[in-house]
Amino acid sequence: MCRPSVSERYISRLVSGHDFSCGKTSYGQDDVSGHDFSRAERISKLDGLQLLTRTSLSCLLVFTLVLAAGCKKKESPPPKPREKSAIIATQVAPGSAFIMSLAMDPARPKFGRKTNFRVTIKQNLGSPVDNAQVELSLVMPLMDMGKNQFALKPAGNGKYEGAGEFSMAGEWEVAIAARAEGKTGKTTFSVNVGE
């Protein structure tokens, strides 16, 4: 003999009028509440449950969509193209035996990051100077930042290359000294270093 619990009988009768636990259909009085369920009341309650279920599912769907929209990954702007090496200046310092050009990569250096330097040295008549000894110094005119000097290596056709770092943001001077064929030249370029 099948004996479902009182709550099982109440729920199964409430939903369908059918006692699922024992296979009986009840249209009479409820044992738990004493309420007399008619078929119309059961259908009415079932319609209410379906409406409640549909409403709950709709609310759940809307909540999920709002949550998904709020959690959507924000698109970052496309990266800025890297500034290529650019000639900062070409100049002849008074009393210098050479014309010097300075190019840096990146063109706008930042402190604490590697900066590549390329110096082009030419005779006053325009022919490239090869086999020179070239030194580059990074000097902050407003503050003593210590010695920051290094030699540049020949890259051919009057070009010399090396790398260094600016130790602070602000106005700097890039001083270049070159010696070749018994002649000397010195030129200073002003550079603004970013953060």
C-alpha atoms as a PDB file:
ATOM      1  CA  MET A   1       0.000   0.000   0.000  1.00  0.00           C
ATOM      2  CA  CYS A   2       1.285   3.413  -1.016  1.00  0.00           C
ATOM      3  CA  ARG A   3       1.424   6.040   1.759  1.00  0.00           C
ATOM      4  CA  PRO A   4       2.811   9.383   0.585  1.00  0.00           C
ATOM      5  CA  SER A   5       3.505  12.120   3.080  1.00  0.00           C
ATOM      6  CA  VAL A   6       0.879  14.733   3.697  1.00  0.00           C
ATOM      7  CA  SER A   7       2.947  17.432   1.911  1.00  0.00           C
ATOM      8  CA  GLU A   8       3.452  15.193  -1.163  1.00  0.00           C
ATOM      9  CA  ARG A   9      -0.271  14.619  -1.431  1.00  0.00           C
ATOM     10  CA  TYR A  10      -1.045  18.316  -1.018  1.00  0.00           C
ATOM     11  CA  ILE A  11       1.424  19.420  -3.720  1.00  0.00           C
ATOM     12  CA  SER A  12       0.403  16.729  -6.208  1.00  0.00           C
ATOM     13  CA  ARG A  13      -3.269  17.512  -5.757  1.00  0.00           C
ATOM     14  CA  LEU A  14      -2.653  21.262  -5.965  1.00  0.00           C
ATOM     15  CA  VAL A  15      -0.828  20.969  -9.263  1.00  0.00           C
ATOM     16  CA  SER A  16      -2.920  18.431 -11.116  1.00  0.00           C
ATOM     17  CA  GLY A  17      -5.538  16.873  -8.957  1.00  0.00           C
ATOM     18  CA  HIS A  18      -3.666  13.619  -9.413  1.00  0.00           C
ATOM     19  CA  ASP A  19      -1.973  11.868  -6.524  1.00  0.00           C
ATOM     20  CA  PHE A  20       1.318  10.901  -8.222  1.00  0.00           C
ATOM     21  CA  SER A  21       2.494   8.809  -5.366  1.00  0.00           C
ATOM     22  CA  CYS A  22      -0.385   6.294  -5.512  1.00  0.00           C
ATOM     23  CA  GLY A  23      -1.923   6.847  -8.932  1.00  0.00           C
ATOM     24  CA  LYS A  24      -5.260   8.197  -7.616  1.00  0.00           C
ATOM     25  CA  THR A  25      -7.210  11.208  -8.766  1.00  0.00           C
ATOM     26  CA  SER A  26      -8.848  13.300  -6.090  1.00  0.00           C
ATOM     27  CA  TYR A  27     -11.703  15.687  -6.565  1.00  0.00           C
ATOM     28  CA  GLY A  28     -12.843  15.782  -3.002  1.00  0.00           C
ATOM     29  CA  GLN A  29     -11.780  17.455   0.172  1.00  0.00           C
ATOM     30  CA  ASP A  30      -8.086  18.065   0.867  1.00  0.00           C
ATOM     31  CA  ASP A  31      -6.751  16.173   3.915  1.00  0.00           C
ATOM     32  CA  VAL A  32      -4.322  18.930   4.866  1.00  0.00           C
ATOM     33  CA  SER A  33      -6.303  22.160   4.527  1.00  0.00           C
ATOM     34  CA  GLY A  34      -9.815  20.788   4.531  1.00  0.00           C
ATOM     35  CA  HIS A  35     -10.459  22.730   1.329  1.00  0.00           C
ATOM     36  CA  ASP A  36     -12.711  21.191  -1.290  1.00  0.00           C
ATOM     37  CA  PHE A  37     -10.926  21.403  -4.671  1.00  0.00           C
ATOM     38  CA  SER A  38     -13.063  21.476  -7.702  1.00  0.00           C
ATOM     39  CA  ARG A  39     -11.623  20.914 -11.164  1.00  0.00           C
ATOM     40  CA  ALA A  40     -12.079  24.616 -12.015  1.00  0.00           C
ATOM     41  CA  GLU A  41     -10.077  25.680  -8.955  1.00  0.00           C
ATOM     42  CA  ARG A  42      -7.270  23.260  -9.838  1.00  0.00           C
ATOM     43  CA  ILE A  43      -7.121  24.598 -13.406  1.00  0.00           C
ATOM     44  CA  SER A  44      -7.207  28.158 -12.083  1.00  0.00           C
ATOM     45  CA  LYS A  45      -4.310  27.433  -9.690  1.00  0.00           C
ATOM     46  CA  LEU A  46      -2.410  25.654 -12.477  1.00  0.00           C
ATOM     47  CA  ASP A  47      -2.869  28.685 -14.773  1.00  0.00           C
ATOM     48  CA  GLY A  48      -1.601  30.908 -11.962  1.00  0.00           C
ATOM     49  CA  LEU A  49       1.476  28.716 -11.525  1.00  0.00           C
ATOM     50  CA  GLN A  50       2.151  28.772 -15.268  1.00  0.00           C
ATOM     51  CA  LEU A  51       1.813  32.547 -15.290  1.00  0.00           C
ATOM     52  CA  LEU A  52       4.128  32.798 -12.287  1.00  0.00           C
ATOM     53  CA  THR A  53       6.627  30.493 -13.992  1.00  0.00           C
ATOM     54  CA  ARG A  54       6.514  32.486 -17.249  1.00  0.00           C
ATOM     55  CA  THR A  55       6.914  35.761 -15.337  1.00  0.00           C
ATOM     56  CA  SER A  56       9.846  34.376 -13.349  1.00  0.00           C
ATOM     57  CA  LEU A  57      11.550  33.121 -16.487  1.00  0.00           C
ATOM     58  CA  SER A  58      11.017  36.482 -18.212  1.00  0.00           C
ATOM     59  CA  CYS A  59      12.508  38.346 -15.253  1.00  0.00           C
ATOM     60  CA  LEU A  60      15.428  35.923 -15.131  1.00  0.00           C
ATOM     61  CA  LEU A  61      16.066  36.411 -18.854  1.00  0.00           C
ATOM     62  CA  VAL A  62      15.967  40.215 -18.562  1.00  0.00           C
ATOM     63  CA  PHE A  63      18.296  40.109 -15.546  1.00  0.00           C
ATOM     64  CA  THR A  64      20.747  37.865 -17.427  1.00  0.00           C
ATOM     65  CA  LEU A  65      20.741  40.169 -20.456  1.00  0.00           C
ATOM     66  CA  VAL A  66      21.310  43.273 -18.306  1.00  0.00           C
ATOM     67  CA  LEU A  67      24.091  41.516 -16.422  1.00  0.00           C
ATOM     68  CA  ALA A  68      25.734  40.350 -19.649  1.00  0.00           C
ATOM     69  CA  ALA A  69      25.534  43.856 -21.129  1.00  0.00           C
ATOM     70  CA  GLY A  70      27.096  45.338 -17.999  1.00  0.00           C
ATOM     71  CA  CYS A  71      29.907  42.795 -17.978  1.00  0.00           C
ATOM     72  CA  LYS A  72      30.700  43.192 -21.655  1.00  0.00           C
ATOM     73  CA  LYS A  73      34.388  43.841 -22.164  1.00  0.00           C
ATOM     74  CA  LYS A  74      35.021  47.463 -22.933  1.00  0.00           C
ATOM     75  CA  GLU A  75      36.873  47.859 -26.160  1.00  0.00           C
ATOM     76  CA  SER A  76      40.127  49.708 -25.786  1.00  0.00           C
ATOM     77  CA  PRO A  77      41.123  52.245 -28.369  1.00  0.00           C
ATOM     78  CA  PRO A  78      43.449  50.937 -31.048  1.00  0.00           C
ATOM     79  CA  PRO A  79      47.100  51.306 -30.117  1.00  0.00           C
ATOM     80  CA  LYS A  80      48.794  54.403 -31.352  1.00  0.00           C
ATOM     81  CA  PRO A  81      51.318  53.731 -34.072  1.00  0.00           C
ATOM     82  CA  ARG A  82      54.832  53.855 -32.764  1.00  0.00           C
ATOM     83  CA  GLU A  83      56.695  56.975 -33.687  1.00  0.00           C
ATOM     84  CA  LYS A  84      59.568  56.101 -35.919  1.00  0.00           C
ATOM     85  CA  SER A  85      63.013  57.503 -35.608  1.00  0.00           C
ATOM     86  CA  ALA A  86      63.130  61.095 -36.736  1.00  0.00           C
ATOM     87  CA  ILE A  87      65.970  63.510 -37.254  1.00  0.00           C
ATOM     88  CA  ILE A  88      65.727  65.913 -34.358  1.00  0.00           C
ATOM     89  CA  ALA A  89      68.071  68.475 -35.858  1.00  0.00           C
ATOM     90  CA  THR A  90      71.065  69.014 -38.058  1.00  0.00           C
ATOM     91  CA  GLN A  91      73.477  71.676 -37.002  1.00  0.00           C
ATOM     92  CA  VAL A  92      76.982  72.984 -37.157  1.00  0.00           C
ATOM     93  CA  ALA A  93      78.255  74.286 -33.844  1.00  0.00           C
ATOM     94  CA  PRO A  94      80.568  77.290 -34.002  1.00  0.00           C
ATOM     95  CA  GLY A  95      84.159  76.086 -34.278  1.00  0.00           C
ATOM     96  CA  SER A  96      83.070  72.491 -35.047  1.00  0.00           C
ATOM     97  CA  ALA A  97      84.760  70.698 -37.929  1.00  0.00           C
ATOM     98  CA  PHE A  98      81.652  68.623 -38.672  1.00  0.00           C
ATOM     99  CA  ILE A  99      77.940  68.845 -39.494  1.00  0.00           C
ATOM    100  CA  MET A 100      75.998  66.522 -37.145  1.00  0.00           C
ATOM    101  CA  SER A 101      72.448  65.187 -37.257  1.00  0.00           C
ATOM    102  CA  LEU A 102      70.688  63.423 -34.382  1.00  0.00           C
ATOM    103  CA  ALA A 103      67.865  60.896 -34.729  1.00  0.00           C
ATOM    104  CA  MET A 104      66.222  59.036 -31.819  1.00  0.00           C
ATOM    105  CA  ASP A 105      63.975  56.000 -31.595  1.00  0.00           C
ATOM    106  CA  PRO A 106      61.440  56.643 -30.189  1.00  0.00           C
ATOM    107  CA  ALA A 107      61.355  60.168 -31.541  1.00  0.00           C
ATOM    108  CA  ARG A 108      59.866  61.354 -28.224  1.00  0.00           C
ATOM    109  CA  PRO A 109      61.848  59.537 -25.549  1.00  0.00           C
ATOM    110  CA  LYS A 110      60.475  58.677 -22.109  1.00  0.00           C
ATOM    111  CA  PHE A 111      62.509  58.526 -18.941  1.00  0.00           C
ATOM    112  CA  GLY A 112      63.638  55.130 -17.691  1.00  0.00           C
ATOM    113  CA  ARG A 113      63.183  53.534 -21.120  1.00  0.00           C
ATOM    114  CA  LYS A 114      65.794  52.623 -23.674  1.00  0.00           C
ATOM    115  CA  THR A 115      66.330  55.213 -26.399  1.00  0.00           C
ATOM    116  CA  ASN A 116      68.292  54.416 -29.552  1.00  0.00           C
ATOM    117  CA  PHE A 117      70.478  57.234 -30.862  1.00  0.00           C
ATOM    118  CA  ARG A 118      71.758  57.614 -34.418  1.00  0.00           C
ATOM    119  CA  VAL A 119      74.205  60.372 -35.228  1.00  0.00           C
ATOM    120  CA  THR A 120      75.221  61.251 -38.779  1.00  0.00           C
ATOM    121  CA  ILE A 121      78.524  63.083 -39.139  1.00  0.00           C
ATOM    122  CA  LYS A 122      79.578  64.847 -42.338  1.00  0.00           C
ATOM    123  CA  GLN A 123      82.417  67.129 -43.378  1.00  0.00           C
ATOM    124  CA  ASN A 124      81.454  70.763 -43.872  1.00  0.00           C
ATOM    125  CA  LEU A 125      81.430  70.001 -47.614  1.00  0.00           C
ATOM    126  CA  GLY A 126      78.856  67.213 -47.112  1.00  0.00           C
ATOM    127  CA  SER A 127      80.949  64.015 -47.405  1.00  0.00           C
ATOM    128  CA  PRO A 128      80.357  61.372 -44.656  1.00  0.00           C
ATOM    129  CA  VAL A 129      82.955  60.979 -41.898  1.00  0.00           C
ATOM    130  CA  ASP A 130      83.845  57.338 -41.244  1.00  0.00           C
ATOM    131  CA  ASN A 131      86.150  55.898 -38.569  1.00  0.00           C
ATOM    132  CA  ALA A 132      85.440  58.674 -36.063  1.00  0.00           C
ATOM    133  CA  GLN A 133      85.453  58.290 -32.301  1.00  0.00           C
ATOM    134  CA  VAL A 134      82.036  59.500 -31.212  1.00  0.00           C
ATOM    135  CA  GLU A 135      80.791  59.975 -27.639  1.00  0.00           C
ATOM    136  CA  LEU A 136      77.282  60.940 -26.618  1.00  0.00           C
ATOM    137  CA  SER A 137      76.467  62.527 -23.240  1.00  0.00           C
ATOM    138  CA  LEU A 138      72.997  62.982 -21.732  1.00  0.00           C
ATOM    139  CA  VAL A 139      73.005  66.111 -19.571  1.00  0.00           C
ATOM    140  CA  MET A 140      70.174  67.692 -17.597  1.00  0.00           C
ATOM    141  CA  PRO A 141      71.100  71.384 -17.492  1.00  0.00           C
ATOM    142  CA  LEU A 142      68.923  72.291 -14.483  1.00  0.00           C
ATOM    143  CA  MET A 143      70.119  69.468 -12.232  1.00  0.00           C
ATOM    144  CA  ASP A 144      73.219  67.321 -11.859  1.00  0.00           C
ATOM    145  CA  MET A 145      72.106  63.809 -12.768  1.00  0.00           C
ATOM    146  CA  GLY A 146      75.599  62.301 -12.720  1.00  0.00           C
ATOM    147  CA  LYS A 147      77.633  61.050 -15.639  1.00  0.00           C
ATOM    148  CA  ASN A 148      75.562  59.502 -18.429  1.00  0.00           C
ATOM    149  CA  GLN A 149      78.004  59.122 -21.306  1.00  0.00           C
ATOM    150  CA  PHE A 150      78.647  56.326 -23.810  1.00  0.00           C
ATOM    151  CA  ALA A 151      80.476  55.677 -27.072  1.00  0.00           C
ATOM    152  CA  LEU A 152      78.606  55.235 -30.352  1.00  0.00           C
ATOM    153  CA  LYS A 153      79.541  52.434 -32.743  1.00  0.00           C
ATOM    154  CA  PRO A 154      80.096  53.010 -36.485  1.00  0.00           C
ATOM    155  CA  ALA A 155      77.197  51.873 -38.716  1.00  0.00           C
ATOM    156  CA  GLY A 156      78.729  52.938 -42.039  1.00  0.00           C
ATOM    157  CA  ASN A 157      78.344  55.948 -44.345  1.00  0.00           C
ATOM    158  CA  GLY A 158      79.027  58.474 -41.567  1.00  0.00           C
ATOM    159  CA  LYS A 159      76.379  57.026 -39.214  1.00  0.00           C
ATOM    160  CA  TYR A 160      77.022  56.057 -35.581  1.00  0.00           C
ATOM    161  CA  GLU A 161      74.611  54.261 -33.229  1.00  0.00           C
ATOM    162  CA  GLY A 162      74.147  53.542 -29.547  1.00  0.00           C
ATOM    163  CA  ALA A 163      71.502  53.262 -26.840  1.00  0.00           C
ATOM    164  CA  GLY A 164      70.979  54.954 -23.496  1.00  0.00           C
ATOM    165  CA  GLU A 165      68.333  56.038 -20.979  1.00  0.00           C
ATOM    166  CA  PHE A 166      67.194  59.365 -19.648  1.00  0.00           C
ATOM    167  CA  SER A 167      66.866  59.090 -15.863  1.00  0.00           C
ATOM    168  CA  MET A 168      64.173  61.734 -15.430  1.00  0.00           C
ATOM    169  CA  ALA A 169      61.479  63.572 -17.364  1.00  0.00           C
ATOM    170  CA  GLY A 170      62.135  67.154 -18.434  1.00  0.00           C
ATOM    171  CA  GLU A 171      64.519  69.203 -20.572  1.00  0.00           C
ATOM    172  CA  TRP A 172      67.764  67.455 -21.490  1.00  0.00           C
ATOM    173  CA  GLU A 173      70.749  68.127 -23.696  1.00  0.00           C
ATOM    174  CA  VAL A 174      72.301  65.493 -25.927  1.00  0.00           C
ATOM    175  CA  ALA A 175      75.952  66.484 -26.352  1.00  0.00           C
ATOM    176  CA  ILE A 176      77.914  64.783 -29.144  1.00  0.00           C
ATOM    177  CA  ALA A 177      81.685  64.933 -29.398  1.00  0.00           C
ATOM    178  CA  ALA A 178      83.505  63.511 -32.461  1.00  0.00           C
ATOM    179  CA  ARG A 179      87.186  63.151 -33.362  1.00  0.00           C
ATOM    180  CA  ALA A 180      88.412  62.063 -36.798  1.00  0.00           C
ATOM    181  CA  GLU A 181      91.340  62.811 -39.073  1.00  0.00           C
ATOM    182  CA  GLY A 182      92.886  65.154 -36.503  1.00  0.00           C
ATOM    183  CA  LYS A 183      89.725  67.275 -36.346  1.00  0.00           C
ATOM    184  CA  THR A 184      87.209  67.617 -33.505  1.00  0.00           C
ATOM    185  CA  GLY A 185      83.616  68.658 -33.373  1.00  0.00           C
ATOM    186  CA  LYS A 186      81.048  69.092 -30.640  1.00  0.00           C
ATOM    187  CA  THR A 187      77.328  69.770 -30.976  1.00  0.00           C
ATOM    188  CA  THR A 188      74.511  69.919 -28.412  1.00  0.00           C
ATOM    189  CA  PHE A 189      70.842  69.145 -29.106  1.00  0.00           C
ATOM    190  CA  SER A 190      67.923  70.010 -26.782  1.00  0.00           C
ATOM    191  CA  VAL A 191      65.458  67.191 -26.098  1.00  0.00           C
ATOM    192  CA  ASN A 192      62.236  67.133 -24.084  1.00  0.00           C
ATOM    193  CA  VAL A 193      61.879  63.782 -22.280  1.00  0.00           C
ATOM    194  CA  GLY A 194      58.380  62.608 -21.344  1.00  0.00           C
ATOM    195  CA  GLU A 195      57.133  60.568 -18.404  1.00  0.00           C
END
